[in-house]
Amino acid sequence: MPVTVRVPKTAYQVADSPGQGQRGGPPARPRPPRGEAGGAQRPSRLQSGGQVTISSELADAVARGEVTLDGAIQRQRRRDRRSED
């Protein structure tokens, strides 16, 4: 009877393969390194003339490239208006 030997995948093959995250769910979204998200909050204050500071959640989205800084500022302004009511 022939012996079947499984060859482990290289790190490159694993990284390039469409996989699943832990426990079979979708892969986790990478979080920006510490401080990088805060780096998007300061420009939001500068760009808005000190009127808006985006949330850390929006800053993370900017750092991941999911939303532009302008888009994040607009979203934060809408959130702020809703919370005033």
C-alpha atoms as a PDB file:
ATOM      1  CA  MET A   1       0.000   0.000   0.000  1.00  0.00           C
ATOM      2  CA  PRO A   2       1.490   3.391  -1.006  1.00  0.00           C
ATOM      3  CA  VAL A   3       2.216   5.928   1.682  1.00  0.00           C
ATOM      4  CA  THR A   4       0.773   9.406   1.153  1.00  0.00           C
ATOM      5  CA  VAL A   5       2.836  12.243   2.510  1.00  0.00           C
ATOM      6  CA  ARG A   6       1.305  15.692   2.869  1.00  0.00           C
ATOM      7  CA  VAL A   7       3.709  18.484   2.124  1.00  0.00           C
ATOM      8  CA  PRO A   8       3.079  21.562   4.245  1.00  0.00           C
ATOM      9  CA  LYS A   9       2.285  24.762   2.397  1.00  0.00           C
ATOM     10  CA  THR A  10       4.806  27.526   2.369  1.00  0.00           C
ATOM     11  CA  ALA A  11       3.940  30.799   4.038  1.00  0.00           C
ATOM     12  CA  TYR A  12       3.523  32.364   0.598  1.00  0.00           C
ATOM     13  CA  GLN A  13       1.009  29.722  -0.476  1.00  0.00           C
ATOM     14  CA  VAL A  14      -0.948  30.173   2.737  1.00  0.00           C
ATOM     15  CA  ALA A  15      -0.951  33.958   2.397  1.00  0.00           C
ATOM     16  CA  ASP A  16      -2.100  33.814  -1.228  1.00  0.00           C
ATOM     17  CA  SER A  17      -4.817  31.231  -0.661  1.00  0.00           C
ATOM     18  CA  PRO A  18      -8.388  32.339  -0.012  1.00  0.00           C
ATOM     19  CA  GLY A  19      -8.861  31.130   3.491  1.00  0.00           C
ATOM     20  CA  GLN A  20     -11.020  31.518   6.469  1.00  0.00           C
ATOM     21  CA  GLY A  21     -10.327  33.180   9.759  1.00  0.00           C
ATOM     22  CA  GLN A  22     -10.205  31.523  13.100  1.00  0.00           C
ATOM     23  CA  ARG A  23     -13.059  29.165  13.866  1.00  0.00           C
ATOM     24  CA  GLY A  24     -14.107  28.990  10.229  1.00  0.00           C
ATOM     25  CA  GLY A  25     -15.379  32.560   9.975  1.00  0.00           C
ATOM     26  CA  PRO A  26     -14.261  35.191   7.504  1.00  0.00           C
ATOM     27  CA  PRO A  27     -10.672  36.394   7.824  1.00  0.00           C
ATOM     28  CA  ALA A  28     -10.227  39.126  10.394  1.00  0.00           C
ATOM     29  CA  ARG A  29      -9.659  42.638   9.130  1.00  0.00           C
ATOM     30  CA  PRO A  30      -6.157  43.825   9.853  1.00  0.00           C
ATOM     31  CA  ARG A  31      -5.998  46.604  12.418  1.00  0.00           C
ATOM     32  CA  PRO A  32      -3.690  49.517  11.751  1.00  0.00           C
ATOM     33  CA  PRO A  33      -0.604  49.668  13.958  1.00  0.00           C
ATOM     34  CA  ARG A  34      -0.936  51.585  17.237  1.00  0.00           C
ATOM     35  CA  GLY A  35      -0.761  55.304  16.669  1.00  0.00           C
ATOM     36  CA  GLU A  36      -1.549  55.123  12.967  1.00  0.00           C
ATOM     37  CA  ALA A  37      -5.291  55.555  13.549  1.00  0.00           C
ATOM     38  CA  GLY A  38      -4.624  58.508  15.835  1.00  0.00           C
ATOM     39  CA  GLY A  39      -2.581  59.905  12.991  1.00  0.00           C
ATOM     40  CA  ALA A  40      -5.836  60.291  11.031  1.00  0.00           C
ATOM     41  CA  GLN A  41      -7.580  62.104  13.895  1.00  0.00           C
ATOM     42  CA  ARG A  42      -5.142  65.012  13.967  1.00  0.00           C
ATOM     43  CA  PRO A  43      -5.450  65.746  10.221  1.00  0.00           C
ATOM     44  CA  SER A  44      -9.245  65.668  10.624  1.00  0.00           C
ATOM     45  CA  ARG A  45      -8.972  68.493  13.151  1.00  0.00           C
ATOM     46  CA  LEU A  46      -6.597  70.427  10.919  1.00  0.00           C
ATOM     47  CA  GLN A  47      -8.641  69.926   7.756  1.00  0.00           C
ATOM     48  CA  SER A  48     -11.888  70.959   9.472  1.00  0.00           C
ATOM     49  CA  GLY A  49     -10.383  74.038  11.084  1.00  0.00           C
ATOM     50  CA  GLY A  50     -10.536  72.468  14.531  1.00  0.00           C
ATOM     51  CA  GLN A  51     -14.278  71.797  14.289  1.00  0.00           C
ATOM     52  CA  VAL A  52     -14.259  67.999  13.920  1.00  0.00           C
ATOM     53  CA  THR A  53     -12.275  65.146  15.402  1.00  0.00           C
ATOM     54  CA  ILE A  54     -13.204  61.825  13.837  1.00  0.00           C
ATOM     55  CA  SER A  55     -13.848  58.825  16.066  1.00  0.00           C
ATOM     56  CA  SER A  56     -11.200  56.153  16.493  1.00  0.00           C
ATOM     57  CA  GLU A  57     -13.477  53.792  14.531  1.00  0.00           C
ATOM     58  CA  LEU A  58     -13.495  56.178  11.546  1.00  0.00           C
ATOM     59  CA  ALA A  59      -9.762  56.804  11.970  1.00  0.00           C
ATOM     60  CA  ASP A  60      -9.175  53.043  11.726  1.00  0.00           C
ATOM     61  CA  ALA A  61     -11.277  52.940   8.538  1.00  0.00           C
ATOM     62  CA  VAL A  62      -9.183  55.777   7.075  1.00  0.00           C
ATOM     63  CA  ALA A  63      -5.954  53.979   8.012  1.00  0.00           C
ATOM     64  CA  ARG A  64      -7.220  50.779   6.325  1.00  0.00           C
ATOM     65  CA  GLY A  65      -8.120  52.760   3.202  1.00  0.00           C
ATOM     66  CA  GLU A  66     -11.838  51.980   3.457  1.00  0.00           C
ATOM     67  CA  VAL A  67     -12.877  55.627   3.577  1.00  0.00           C
ATOM     68  CA  THR A  68     -11.192  58.915   2.688  1.00  0.00           C
ATOM     69  CA  LEU A  69     -10.413  61.522   5.302  1.00  0.00           C
ATOM     70  CA  ASP A  70     -13.024  63.833   3.743  1.00  0.00           C
ATOM     71  CA  GLY A  71     -15.608  61.054   3.888  1.00  0.00           C
ATOM     72  CA  ALA A  72     -14.782  60.339   7.517  1.00  0.00           C
ATOM     73  CA  ILE A  73     -15.152  64.016   8.421  1.00  0.00           C
ATOM     74  CA  GLN A  74     -18.567  64.153   6.712  1.00  0.00           C
ATOM     75  CA  ARG A  75     -19.712  61.018   8.548  1.00  0.00           C
ATOM     76  CA  GLN A  76     -18.523  62.413  11.886  1.00  0.00           C
ATOM     77  CA  ARG A  77     -20.372  65.695  11.273  1.00  0.00           C
ATOM     78  CA  ARG A  78     -23.593  63.738  10.596  1.00  0.00           C
ATOM     79  CA  ARG A  79     -23.087  61.697  13.779  1.00  0.00           C
ATOM     80  CA  ASP A  80     -22.438  64.835  15.793  1.00  0.00           C
ATOM     81  CA  ARG A  81     -25.610  66.504  14.436  1.00  0.00           C
ATOM     82  CA  ARG A  82     -27.697  63.440  15.322  1.00  0.00           C
ATOM     83  CA  SER A  83     -26.357  63.359  18.880  1.00  0.00           C
ATOM     84  CA  GLU A  84     -27.276  67.048  19.389  1.00  0.00           C
ATOM     85  CA  ASP A  85     -30.973  66.300  18.763  1.00  0.00           C
END
